[in-house]
Amino acid sequence: LIQVATSSASSFFLTESGKIYTCGTLHGNVLPSLSQKVIQLPLKCVEIAAGRHFGLARMEGGLAVCSWGAGHFGQLALGGDSAPFIEHPTVIEALLPHVVGAPITAIAAGYWHAMAVTQSGSVYSWGCNRNAQCGFKPSKDPPTLCAPQLVQFETIVAPKMVKVAAGRSHSIALDEDGKVYSWGACQYGQCGILTRRRGGVAPPKQVEALSQVQIVDIAAGDTHTLALTGGGRVFGFGSGFEGQLGTGSIVQMNPKPKLVGDLDFVAIEAGRAWKSQQKIKQEIDDAVTSETASEGSFTSSPRSSLSQIPKIVSLHATGNSSMALSSKGHLYVWGCNDVANLGVPKLDSDQLPFAEPSIPPSKTSTLRQLHTQAFDSSHNIGLPQRVDCLGHLNITAIAASPTFMWCVGTPREGGDEDEANSVGRTLYELQEEKRQKSLR
């Protein structure tokens, strides 16, 4: 098993041999157990994607893309005369290399729209365009694109895209230089642009607030967006009313990317090392002042090798929830956890603190305030938490819907002291450990 993709109530599994299996409910069709999706092509599937009630499959070499499921918004890209539901994967002829000029290298599916990236860096989109999520201003006619359309970028030199991500009604693209572009619905700031114009953002705009950093991965939830830098720092923007931005505060709209500080493991460890050094230096100064120190009484503590500290390497977003994978294969989650869909145990009602949405957190939060920001009375997770129940696995891939999640991993070798199994400790985790010690 190499990849999993989920729709609202179904799951798709891709094996190393290129076979696709599915289970769950897809547009009213119930599959209670795994069933293989047979693609009538002499090619191996190498990538899958899932929208709300439809699926996509990219074949090896990017020589073909297939679609199946519900198509009443044109999300199957099979033309306006296609059936409202297609049971078996069907080749999207409009995405064949001789039509678009290059093989397809990446695909993405949102609620009712989808996108594909070609080897030359072009982006094609199709499906529902009610909020300009396909990159075009909505027309007065039914806002659906039943065939792939080339997305135009208003730049002097057309950017070469390498990855796309699709949210509920917005889209995100990443170019080869690490720049991020967005289009579609922006009423919550999920495009990273300060505008609430009706009809969405179109044509695509660069997220200028991220122009000074190099982004290596992107993810889109229903109404929020995540971006990852090469150094492992995570930024979030858009809606945060269920904690999906990971800052510990509840916000309705946030168009400016904010750093998820709890996942900046290198900076956290560097800060701890600096404080430790300062404490030792103070002890030496005090001892010298009191003339009680003998030569060699104090030695500086060895500097922790920051290069060995885990960092975030990939992101995933769905609904109002967010996930991140570390370089050591540990999973971190935050956001909506109403049905325990994030794998973090739900606290007892008497342990749940009350978070007042109208009161923003202070810049100098106390330990107790940080604890309050971590969870709310609806079981949402406001600050990233490590899923410790998966600690025995080296997680390699994740897929999630708003109500459930799949993780793909292999058993870990070695013990907790093994460098390969080291964990990145969040700021909340360290603060909570300190708080617990103060209560003893």
Foldseek 3Di string as FASTA:
>chain_A
DAAKADAQFKIWDADPQQWIWMATAAPNDHRHDIDTADDPDPFGWDDKYDANRKIKTATPQLQWMWIFGAQPQLQRQCDPPDDRGGHHTDTNVCSGCVNVVAGWQEKYYEHFKIWTAGPQQWIWIFGACQFPQRQDQADPPRRGGNHIDTQDDPDPDDFRWDYKEYEHFKIWTAGPQQWIKIKGQCCQLQRLDPDRDGSIGHRIDTNVLCPVFRWDAKEYAHFKIWTAGPQQKIWIFGACQFQARQCLAHGGHGSHTDINQQQNLLVVLVVVLVVLQVVLVVVVVVCVVVVNDDPPPDDGDDRDDSVLAKHWDYWYYYHQKIWTAIPLQWIKIFGDCQPPQVQDDQDDQVPQDADDNVDGADPDDDLVSLVNSQAHNSRGGNHIDINVVCLQWRWDYKYGYSNHIDTDTDGDDDDQPDSSSDDRGTPNNVSVVVVVVVVD
